[in-house]
């Protein structure tokens, strides 16, 4: 066969075969976002309602903090006594939180000692009372809840995300760390 046009000579038979083998994605699968807002709206439609509320609350809080930052900085730079009072207030709040975690850790350690004794008695064949069984189950669940909570405590500045995580997972904290 003789190819008569320039367009026909541009494609070899191998190119035609490869073009036919390449499947095209359906139009539903292709996602085009004209702006970042469109991308955010598309993302927001794909997450559950509770998580949407949490994301929006976090975004509003962050925007509020960023909007207030210059004025707050100027205020504390021009009023050093109020700045000192605020630092004392923040220091007291940090002490209170540290004390709360310390007491929770001590209570959990005491519960673990008691649970170990109950488990030892149970393994020797002595039946547990209903109260002891409930305490043992609570202590075991507290140990499993301690893993995600320790991540929030050990990673620097992750404590600030703890209230948001507790809003999504209300029973995440061990019982000894709850007020």
N, C-alpha and C. Protein backbone atom coordinates (compact mmCIF):
# COMPACT_ATOMS: atom_id res chain seq x y z
N UNK A 1 0.83 -1.19 0.00
CA UNK A 1 0.00 0.00 0.00
C UNK A 1 0.87 1.24 0.00
N UNK A 2 0.44 2.22 -0.70
CA UNK A 2 1.19 3.46 -0.78
C UNK A 2 0.41 4.51 0.00
N UNK A 3 1.13 5.19 0.93
CA UNK A 3 0.49 6.25 1.72
C UNK A 3 0.58 7.55 0.95
N UNK A 4 -0.56 8.18 0.75
CA UNK A 4 -0.59 9.35 -0.10
C UNK A 4 -0.52 10.65 0.67
N UNK A 5 -0.93 10.68 1.93
CA UNK A 5 -0.93 11.97 2.65
C UNK A 5 0.20 12.02 3.67
N UNK A 6 0.58 13.22 4.08
CA UNK A 6 1.63 13.40 5.07
C UNK A 6 1.16 12.96 6.45
N UNK A 7 -0.11 13.15 6.74
CA UNK A 7 -0.66 12.75 8.04
C UNK A 7 -0.64 11.25 8.17
N UNK A 8 -0.91 10.55 7.10
CA UNK A 8 -0.91 9.10 7.16
C UNK A 8 0.50 8.57 7.32
N UNK A 9 1.49 9.27 6.76
CA UNK A 9 2.86 8.80 6.88
C UNK A 9 3.44 9.06 8.27
N UNK A 10 2.83 9.96 9.04
CA UNK A 10 3.33 10.27 10.39
C UNK A 10 3.10 9.11 11.35
N UNK A 11 2.08 8.31 11.12
CA UNK A 11 1.76 7.20 12.01
C UNK A 11 2.15 5.88 11.35
N UNK A 12 2.93 5.13 12.01
CA UNK A 12 3.25 3.80 11.52
C UNK A 12 2.19 2.83 12.03
N UNK A 13 2.09 1.66 11.48
CA UNK A 13 1.10 0.68 11.96
C UNK A 13 1.33 0.31 13.42
N UNK A 14 2.56 0.34 13.91
CA UNK A 14 2.84 0.02 15.32
C UNK A 14 2.26 1.08 16.23
N UNK A 15 2.31 2.38 15.81
CA UNK A 15 1.74 3.45 16.62
C UNK A 15 0.24 3.31 16.73
N UNK A 16 -0.40 2.90 15.67
CA UNK A 16 -1.84 2.74 15.68
C UNK A 16 -2.23 1.64 16.65
N UNK A 17 -1.46 0.56 16.66
CA UNK A 17 -1.75 -0.56 17.55
C UNK A 17 -1.60 -0.12 19.01
N UNK A 18 -0.53 0.62 19.30
CA UNK A 18 -0.33 1.04 20.69
C UNK A 18 -1.40 2.02 21.14
N UNK A 19 -1.87 2.87 20.23
CA UNK A 19 -2.92 3.79 20.60
C UNK A 19 -4.21 3.06 20.91
N UNK A 20 -4.48 1.98 20.21
CA UNK A 20 -5.69 1.21 20.46
C UNK A 20 -5.61 0.45 21.76
N UNK A 21 -4.43 0.01 22.18
CA UNK A 21 -4.27 -0.76 23.41
C UNK A 21 -4.41 0.11 24.65
N UNK A 22 -4.12 1.38 24.57
CA UNK A 22 -4.13 2.27 25.72
C UNK A 22 -5.58 2.63 26.06
N UNK A 23 -6.13 2.10 27.19
CA UNK A 23 -7.52 2.43 27.53
C UNK A 23 -7.62 3.84 28.10
N UNK A 24 -8.71 4.48 27.81
CA UNK A 24 -8.93 5.82 28.35
C UNK A 24 -9.71 5.72 29.65
N UNK A 25 -9.37 6.57 30.60
CA UNK A 25 -10.06 6.57 31.89
C UNK A 25 -11.46 7.13 31.71
N UNK A 26 -12.44 6.57 32.40
CA UNK A 26 -13.78 7.13 32.31
C UNK A 26 -13.81 8.55 32.84
N UNK A 27 -14.75 9.34 32.36
CA UNK A 27 -14.82 10.75 32.76
C UNK A 27 -15.14 10.91 34.24
N UNK A 28 -15.85 9.92 34.85
CA UNK A 28 -16.17 10.02 36.27
C UNK A 28 -14.93 9.93 37.14
N UNK A 29 -13.92 9.19 36.67
CA UNK A 29 -12.71 8.99 37.46
C UNK A 29 -11.79 10.20 37.40
N UNK A 30 -11.86 10.95 36.35
CA UNK A 30 -10.99 12.11 36.20
C UNK A 30 -11.49 13.23 37.10
N UNK A 31 -10.61 13.77 37.94
CA UNK A 31 -10.98 14.84 38.86
C UNK A 31 -10.18 16.06 38.48
N UNK A 32 -10.88 17.12 38.16
CA UNK A 32 -10.22 18.36 37.79
C UNK A 32 -10.62 19.42 38.80
N UNK A 33 -9.65 20.13 39.34
CA UNK A 33 -9.91 21.18 40.30
C UNK A 33 -9.36 22.48 39.74
N UNK A 34 -10.26 23.43 39.53
CA UNK A 34 -9.84 24.70 38.99
C UNK A 34 -9.07 25.51 40.03
N UNK A 35 -9.50 25.41 41.28
CA UNK A 35 -8.86 26.17 42.35
C UNK A 35 -8.66 25.29 43.56
N UNK A 36 -7.94 25.80 44.53
CA UNK A 36 -7.75 25.07 45.78
C UNK A 36 -9.06 24.94 46.53
N UNK A 37 -9.94 25.91 46.37
CA UNK A 37 -11.25 25.84 47.03
C UNK A 37 -12.05 24.67 46.49
N UNK A 38 -12.02 24.46 45.18
CA UNK A 38 -12.71 23.32 44.59
C UNK A 38 -12.13 22.01 45.11
N UNK A 39 -10.82 21.95 45.26
CA UNK A 39 -10.18 20.75 45.79
C UNK A 39 -10.61 20.51 47.22
N UNK A 40 -10.69 21.58 48.02
CA UNK A 40 -11.10 21.43 49.42
C UNK A 40 -12.56 20.98 49.50
N UNK A 41 -13.42 21.53 48.67
CA UNK A 41 -14.83 21.14 48.68
C UNK A 41 -14.96 19.67 48.28
N UNK A 42 -14.20 19.24 47.28
CA UNK A 42 -14.22 17.84 46.86
C UNK A 42 -13.74 16.95 48.00
N UNK A 43 -12.69 17.38 48.67
CA UNK A 43 -12.18 16.61 49.82
C UNK A 43 -13.20 16.58 50.93
N UNK A 44 -13.85 17.70 51.20
CA UNK A 44 -14.80 17.80 52.29
C UNK A 44 -16.01 16.91 52.06
N UNK A 45 -16.39 16.69 50.81
CA UNK A 45 -17.54 15.84 50.51
C UNK A 45 -17.23 14.38 50.78
N UNK A 46 -15.96 14.01 50.83
CA UNK A 46 -15.59 12.61 50.96
C UNK A 46 -15.36 12.18 52.41
N UNK A 47 -15.49 13.07 53.38
CA UNK A 47 -15.24 12.70 54.77
C UNK A 47 -16.53 12.75 55.58
N UNK A 48 -16.60 12.01 56.69
CA UNK A 48 -17.82 11.97 57.49
C UNK A 48 -18.14 13.33 58.12
N UNK A 49 -19.38 13.48 58.53
CA UNK A 49 -19.88 14.75 59.06
C UNK A 49 -19.14 15.18 60.33
N UNK A 50 -18.87 14.25 61.24
CA UNK A 50 -18.20 14.59 62.49
C UNK A 50 -16.79 15.10 62.24
N UNK A 51 -16.11 14.47 61.32
CA UNK A 51 -14.75 14.90 60.98
C UNK A 51 -14.79 16.27 60.29
N UNK A 52 -15.84 16.51 59.48
CA UNK A 52 -15.97 17.81 58.83
C UNK A 52 -16.10 18.91 59.88
N UNK A 53 -16.95 18.66 60.88
CA UNK A 53 -17.12 19.66 61.94
C UNK A 53 -15.81 19.92 62.66
N UNK A 54 -15.05 18.87 62.91
CA UNK A 54 -13.77 19.01 63.60
C UNK A 54 -12.77 19.81 62.76
N UNK A 55 -12.70 19.51 61.47
CA UNK A 55 -11.77 20.23 60.58
C UNK A 55 -12.15 21.70 60.49
N UNK A 56 -13.44 21.96 60.37
CA UNK A 56 -13.89 23.35 60.27
C UNK A 56 -13.61 24.10 61.57
N UNK A 57 -13.82 23.46 62.73
CA UNK A 57 -13.53 24.10 64.01
C UNK A 57 -12.04 24.40 64.14
N UNK A 58 -11.21 23.46 63.73
CA UNK A 58 -9.76 23.67 63.79
C UNK A 58 -9.34 24.80 62.85
N UNK A 59 -9.93 24.85 61.66
CA UNK A 59 -9.59 25.91 60.70
C UNK A 59 -10.02 27.28 61.23
N UNK A 60 -11.22 27.34 61.82
CA UNK A 60 -11.68 28.62 62.39
C UNK A 60 -10.79 29.06 63.54
N UNK A 61 -10.40 28.11 64.40
CA UNK A 61 -9.53 28.45 65.53
C UNK A 61 -8.18 28.95 65.03
N UNK A 62 -7.60 28.27 64.07
CA UNK A 62 -6.31 28.69 63.53
C UNK A 62 -6.41 30.05 62.87
N UNK A 63 -7.47 30.29 62.11
CA UNK A 63 -7.65 31.60 61.47
C UNK A 63 -7.83 32.69 62.51
N UNK A 64 -8.55 32.39 63.58
CA UNK A 64 -8.74 33.37 64.65
C UNK A 64 -7.42 33.71 65.33
N UNK A 65 -6.62 32.69 65.60
CA UNK A 65 -5.32 32.92 66.24
C UNK A 65 -4.42 33.76 65.34
N UNK A 66 -4.38 33.40 64.06
CA UNK A 66 -3.52 34.15 63.13
C UNK A 66 -3.99 35.59 62.96
N UNK A 67 -5.29 35.81 63.01
CA UNK A 67 -5.82 37.17 62.87
C UNK A 67 -5.50 38.02 64.09
N UNK A 68 -5.47 37.39 65.26
CA UNK A 68 -5.25 38.13 66.50
C UNK A 68 -3.78 38.30 66.85
N UNK A 69 -2.90 37.53 66.24
CA UNK A 69 -1.49 37.51 66.63
C UNK A 69 -0.82 38.89 66.62
N UNK A 70 -0.90 39.69 65.57
CA UNK A 70 -0.19 40.98 65.61
C UNK A 70 -0.68 41.90 66.73
N UNK A 71 -1.99 41.95 66.94
CA UNK A 71 -2.53 42.80 68.01
C UNK A 71 -2.13 42.32 69.38
N UNK A 72 -2.15 41.02 69.57
CA UNK A 72 -1.77 40.45 70.87
C UNK A 72 -0.30 40.69 71.14
N UNK A 73 0.52 40.50 70.13
CA UNK A 73 1.96 40.73 70.31
C UNK A 73 2.22 42.20 70.66
N UNK A 74 1.55 43.11 69.97
CA UNK A 74 1.73 44.53 70.25
C UNK A 74 1.27 44.87 71.66
N UNK A 75 0.16 44.29 72.08
CA UNK A 75 -0.37 44.56 73.42
C UNK A 75 0.64 44.12 74.48
N UNK A 76 1.16 42.89 74.35
CA UNK A 76 2.09 42.40 75.37
C UNK A 76 3.45 43.09 75.31
N UNK A 77 3.84 43.57 74.14
CA UNK A 77 5.09 44.32 74.07
C UNK A 77 4.96 45.68 74.75
N UNK A 78 3.79 46.28 74.70
CA UNK A 78 3.60 47.59 75.31
C UNK A 78 3.11 47.52 76.75
N UNK A 79 2.70 46.35 77.23
CA UNK A 79 2.23 46.17 78.61
C UNK A 79 2.97 45.01 79.26
N UNK A 80 4.18 45.24 79.74
CA UNK A 80 5.00 44.14 80.27
C UNK A 80 4.42 43.50 81.54
N UNK A 81 3.68 44.24 82.36
CA UNK A 81 3.10 43.64 83.56
C UNK A 81 2.04 42.60 83.21
N UNK A 82 1.21 42.92 82.23
CA UNK A 82 0.21 41.95 81.79
C UNK A 82 0.87 40.74 81.15
N UNK A 83 2.00 40.97 80.45
CA UNK A 83 2.74 39.87 79.84
C UNK A 83 3.27 38.94 80.93
N UNK A 84 3.80 39.52 82.00
CA UNK A 84 4.30 38.71 83.11
C UNK A 84 3.17 37.93 83.76
N UNK A 85 2.01 38.58 83.95
CA UNK A 85 0.86 37.89 84.53
C UNK A 85 0.40 36.73 83.64
N UNK A 86 0.42 36.96 82.33
CA UNK A 86 0.02 35.90 81.40
C UNK A 86 1.00 34.74 81.45
N UNK A 87 2.30 35.03 81.55
CA UNK A 87 3.29 33.97 81.66
C UNK A 87 3.11 33.16 82.93
N UNK A 88 2.78 33.85 84.03
CA UNK A 88 2.53 33.15 85.29
C UNK A 88 1.30 32.26 85.16
N UNK A 89 0.27 32.77 84.49
CA UNK A 89 -0.95 31.99 84.27
C UNK A 89 -0.67 30.74 83.43
N UNK A 90 0.12 30.91 82.36
CA UNK A 90 0.47 29.77 81.51
C UNK A 90 1.33 28.76 82.27
N UNK A 91 2.24 29.25 83.11
CA UNK A 91 3.09 28.36 83.91
C UNK A 91 2.24 27.55 84.88
N UNK A 92 1.25 28.20 85.52
CA UNK A 92 0.36 27.49 86.43
C UNK A 92 -0.47 26.43 85.70
N UNK A 93 -0.93 26.77 84.50
CA UNK A 93 -1.71 25.81 83.71
C UNK A 93 -0.84 24.61 83.33
N UNK A 94 0.42 24.85 82.97
CA UNK A 94 1.33 23.76 82.62
C UNK A 94 1.60 22.88 83.84
N UNK A 95 1.77 23.50 85.01
CA UNK A 95 1.98 22.73 86.24
C UNK A 95 0.77 21.86 86.55
N UNK A 96 -0.40 22.43 86.36
CA UNK A 96 -1.64 21.69 86.63
C UNK A 96 -1.75 20.48 85.71
N UNK A 97 -1.45 20.66 84.44
CA UNK A 97 -1.52 19.54 83.49
C UNK A 97 -0.47 18.48 83.82
N UNK A 98 0.74 18.91 84.16
CA UNK A 98 1.78 17.95 84.52
C UNK A 98 1.37 17.17 85.77
N UNK A 99 0.78 17.85 86.74
CA UNK A 99 0.30 17.18 87.96
C UNK A 99 -0.80 16.18 87.61
N UNK A 100 -1.69 16.57 86.70
CA UNK A 100 -2.78 15.68 86.28
C UNK A 100 -2.22 14.40 85.66
N UNK A 101 -1.22 14.54 84.78
CA UNK A 101 -0.62 13.36 84.15
C UNK A 101 0.15 12.52 85.18
N UNK A 102 0.80 13.18 86.12
CA UNK A 102 1.55 12.45 87.15
C UNK A 102 0.61 11.65 88.02
N UNK A 103 -0.49 12.25 88.46
CA UNK A 103 -1.45 11.53 89.31
C UNK A 103 -2.11 10.39 88.52
N UNK A 104 -2.44 10.63 87.27
CA UNK A 104 -3.01 9.57 86.44
C UNK A 104 -2.06 8.41 86.28
N UNK A 105 -0.78 8.71 86.11
CA UNK A 105 0.23 7.65 85.98
C UNK A 105 0.36 6.86 87.27
N UNK A 106 0.33 7.56 88.40
CA UNK A 106 0.42 6.86 89.68
C UNK A 106 -0.80 5.97 89.91
N UNK A 107 -1.98 6.47 89.57
CA UNK A 107 -3.20 5.67 89.72
C UNK A 107 -3.17 4.45 88.80
N UNK A 108 -2.68 4.62 87.59
CA UNK A 108 -2.59 3.50 86.66
C UNK A 108 -1.59 2.47 87.16
N UNK A 109 -0.47 2.92 87.73
CA UNK A 109 0.51 1.98 88.28
C UNK A 109 -0.09 1.19 89.44
N UNK A 110 -0.86 1.86 90.30
CA UNK A 110 -1.51 1.16 91.41
C UNK A 110 -2.53 0.15 90.88
N UNK A 111 -3.28 0.54 89.86
CA UNK A 111 -4.24 -0.39 89.25
C UNK A 111 -3.54 -1.58 88.63
N UNK A 112 -2.39 -1.35 88.02
CA UNK A 112 -1.64 -2.46 87.42
C UNK A 112 -1.13 -3.43 88.48
N UNK A 113 -0.66 -2.91 89.61
CA UNK A 113 -0.21 -3.79 90.69
C UNK A 113 -1.37 -4.64 91.20
N UNK A 114 -2.51 -4.02 91.40
CA UNK A 114 -3.68 -4.74 91.89
C UNK A 114 -4.13 -5.77 90.86
N UNK A 115 -4.14 -5.40 89.59
CA UNK A 115 -4.56 -6.32 88.53
C UNK A 115 -3.61 -7.50 88.42
N UNK A 116 -2.33 -7.25 88.61
CA UNK A 116 -1.36 -8.35 88.57
C UNK A 116 -1.64 -9.36 89.68
N UNK A 117 -1.94 -8.88 90.88
CA UNK A 117 -2.26 -9.77 91.99
C UNK A 117 -3.55 -10.55 91.71
N UNK A 118 -4.56 -9.87 91.16
CA UNK A 118 -5.82 -10.56 90.85
C UNK A 118 -5.61 -11.60 89.76
N UNK A 119 -4.80 -11.28 88.76
CA UNK A 119 -4.53 -12.22 87.68
C UNK A 119 -3.78 -13.44 88.22
N UNK A 120 -2.84 -13.21 89.13
CA UNK A 120 -2.09 -14.31 89.74
C UNK A 120 -3.04 -15.23 90.50
N UNK A 121 -3.95 -14.64 91.29
CA UNK A 121 -4.93 -15.45 92.05
C UNK A 121 -5.85 -16.21 91.10
N UNK A 122 -6.24 -15.55 90.01
CA UNK A 122 -7.14 -16.18 89.05
C UNK A 122 -6.46 -17.37 88.37
N UNK A 123 -5.19 -17.22 88.05
CA UNK A 123 -4.45 -18.31 87.41
C UNK A 123 -4.22 -19.48 88.36
N UNK A 124 -4.25 -19.23 89.67
CA UNK A 124 -4.10 -20.31 90.65
C UNK A 124 -5.42 -21.03 90.90
N UNK A 125 -6.51 -20.54 90.30
CA UNK A 125 -7.79 -21.24 90.42
C UNK A 125 -8.80 -20.56 91.31
N UNK A 126 -8.46 -19.48 91.97
CA UNK A 126 -9.40 -18.78 92.83
C UNK A 126 -10.34 -17.93 91.96
N UNK A 127 -11.65 -18.09 92.13
CA UNK A 127 -12.57 -17.28 91.31
C UNK A 127 -12.56 -15.81 91.74
N UNK A 128 -12.74 -14.93 90.78
CA UNK A 128 -12.78 -13.49 91.07
C UNK A 128 -14.21 -13.07 91.35
N UNK A 129 -14.34 -12.08 92.22
CA UNK A 129 -15.67 -11.51 92.45
C UNK A 129 -16.03 -10.62 91.26
N UNK A 130 -17.29 -10.24 91.19
CA UNK A 130 -17.73 -9.39 90.08
C UNK A 130 -16.99 -8.06 90.10
N UNK A 131 -16.78 -7.50 91.28
CA UNK A 131 -16.06 -6.23 91.41
C UNK A 131 -14.62 -6.36 90.94
N UNK A 132 -13.95 -7.46 91.32
CA UNK A 132 -12.56 -7.68 90.90
C UNK A 132 -12.47 -7.88 89.39
N UNK A 133 -13.44 -8.60 88.83
CA UNK A 133 -13.45 -8.82 87.38
C UNK A 133 -13.62 -7.50 86.63
N UNK A 134 -14.51 -6.65 87.13
CA UNK A 134 -14.71 -5.35 86.49
C UNK A 134 -13.44 -4.50 86.57
N UNK A 135 -12.78 -4.53 87.74
CA UNK A 135 -11.55 -3.75 87.89
C UNK A 135 -10.45 -4.29 86.98
N UNK A 136 -10.36 -5.59 86.85
CA UNK A 136 -9.35 -6.19 85.98
C UNK A 136 -9.60 -5.81 84.52
N UNK A 137 -10.85 -5.87 84.08
CA UNK A 137 -11.17 -5.48 82.71
C UNK A 137 -10.91 -4.01 82.46
N UNK A 138 -11.24 -3.16 83.43
CA UNK A 138 -10.99 -1.72 83.28
C UNK A 138 -9.49 -1.45 83.19
N UNK A 139 -8.70 -2.14 83.98
CA UNK A 139 -7.25 -1.93 83.96
C UNK A 139 -6.64 -2.39 82.64
N UNK A 140 -7.09 -3.53 82.14
CA UNK A 140 -6.58 -4.03 80.85
C UNK A 140 -6.96 -3.05 79.73
N UNK A 141 -8.20 -2.55 79.74
CA UNK A 141 -8.58 -1.59 78.70
C UNK A 141 -7.79 -0.29 78.86
N UNK A 142 -7.48 0.11 80.09
CA UNK A 142 -6.66 1.31 80.30
C UNK A 142 -5.26 1.14 79.72
N UNK A 143 -4.70 -0.05 79.85
CA UNK A 143 -3.37 -0.30 79.30
C UNK A 143 -3.40 -0.17 77.78
N UNK A 144 -4.46 -0.69 77.14
CA UNK A 144 -4.56 -0.57 75.68
C UNK A 144 -4.84 0.87 75.26
N UNK A 145 -5.54 1.64 76.08
CA UNK A 145 -5.80 3.04 75.76
C UNK A 145 -4.57 3.91 76.01
N UNK A 146 -3.63 3.41 76.78
CA UNK A 146 -2.43 4.18 77.10
C UNK A 146 -1.53 4.38 75.88
N UNK A 147 -1.57 3.46 74.93
CA UNK A 147 -0.70 3.53 73.76
C UNK A 147 -0.99 4.79 72.93
N UNK A 148 -2.25 5.03 72.49
CA UNK A 148 -2.47 6.26 71.71
C UNK A 148 -2.27 7.53 72.54
N UNK A 149 -2.61 7.47 73.84
CA UNK A 149 -2.43 8.66 74.67
C UNK A 149 -0.96 8.99 74.84
N UNK A 150 -0.12 7.96 74.95
CA UNK A 150 1.32 8.22 75.13
C UNK A 150 1.92 8.87 73.89
N UNK A 151 1.35 8.60 72.73
CA UNK A 151 1.84 9.26 71.51
C UNK A 151 1.63 10.77 71.62
N UNK A 152 0.46 11.16 72.13
CA UNK A 152 0.18 12.59 72.29
C UNK A 152 1.08 13.23 73.33
N UNK A 153 1.47 12.49 74.35
CA UNK A 153 2.30 13.05 75.41
C UNK A 153 3.77 13.11 74.99
N UNK A 154 4.24 12.11 74.26
CA UNK A 154 5.66 12.02 73.94
C UNK A 154 6.09 12.91 72.78
N UNK A 155 5.24 13.10 71.79
CA UNK A 155 5.60 13.92 70.64
C UNK A 155 5.45 15.39 71.04
N UNK A 156 6.48 16.20 70.85
CA UNK A 156 6.41 17.61 71.26
C UNK A 156 5.27 18.35 70.57
N UNK A 157 4.56 19.15 71.35
CA UNK A 157 3.45 20.00 70.92
C UNK A 157 2.24 19.22 70.39
N UNK A 158 2.26 17.91 70.54
CA UNK A 158 1.11 17.11 70.11
C UNK A 158 -0.03 17.22 71.13
N UNK A 159 0.28 17.71 72.33
CA UNK A 159 -0.76 17.86 73.36
C UNK A 159 -1.85 18.82 72.90
N UNK A 160 -1.47 19.75 72.01
CA UNK A 160 -2.45 20.72 71.52
C UNK A 160 -3.50 20.05 70.64
N UNK A 161 -3.17 18.92 70.05
CA UNK A 161 -4.13 18.19 69.21
C UNK A 161 -4.99 17.23 70.01
N UNK A 162 -4.65 17.01 71.29
CA UNK A 162 -5.40 16.06 72.10
C UNK A 162 -6.88 16.41 72.24
N UNK A 163 -7.26 17.68 72.45
CA UNK A 163 -8.70 17.96 72.53
C UNK A 163 -9.46 17.62 71.25
N UNK A 164 -8.83 17.82 70.09
CA UNK A 164 -9.48 17.47 68.83
C UNK A 164 -9.64 15.95 68.71
N UNK A 165 -8.61 15.21 69.11
CA UNK A 165 -8.68 13.75 69.06
C UNK A 165 -9.73 13.23 70.04
N UNK A 166 -9.83 13.86 71.21
CA UNK A 166 -10.82 13.43 72.19
C UNK A 166 -12.24 13.73 71.72
N UNK A 167 -12.37 14.73 70.88
CA UNK A 167 -13.70 15.03 70.34
C UNK A 167 -14.13 13.95 69.35
N UNK A 168 -13.17 13.43 68.60
CA UNK A 168 -13.49 12.35 67.66
C UNK A 168 -13.62 11.01 68.39
N UNK A 169 -12.67 10.73 69.30
CA UNK A 169 -12.66 9.48 70.06
C UNK A 169 -12.80 9.80 71.55
N UNK A 170 -14.02 9.95 72.06
CA UNK A 170 -14.20 10.40 73.45
C UNK A 170 -13.66 9.45 74.51
N UNK A 171 -13.57 8.16 74.23
CA UNK A 171 -13.09 7.20 75.24
C UNK A 171 -11.64 6.81 75.02
N UNK A 172 -10.86 7.70 74.43
CA UNK A 172 -9.49 7.38 74.11
C UNK A 172 -8.58 7.39 75.34
N UNK A 173 -8.86 8.27 76.31
CA UNK A 173 -8.00 8.35 77.48
C UNK A 173 -8.25 7.21 78.46
N UNK A 174 -7.21 6.73 79.13
CA UNK A 174 -7.43 5.75 80.20
C UNK A 174 -8.28 6.36 81.32
N UNK A 175 -8.98 5.52 82.05
CA UNK A 175 -9.91 6.03 83.07
C UNK A 175 -9.18 6.79 84.18
N UNK A 176 -7.92 6.49 84.43
CA UNK A 176 -7.20 7.18 85.49
C UNK A 176 -6.78 8.59 85.09
N UNK A 177 -6.85 8.91 83.78
CA UNK A 177 -6.46 10.25 83.31
C UNK A 177 -7.65 11.16 83.07
N UNK A 178 -8.84 10.68 83.34
CA UNK A 178 -10.04 11.50 83.13
C UNK A 178 -10.34 12.26 84.40
N UNK A 179 -10.91 13.47 84.23
CA UNK A 179 -11.22 14.29 85.40
C UNK A 179 -12.38 13.72 86.20
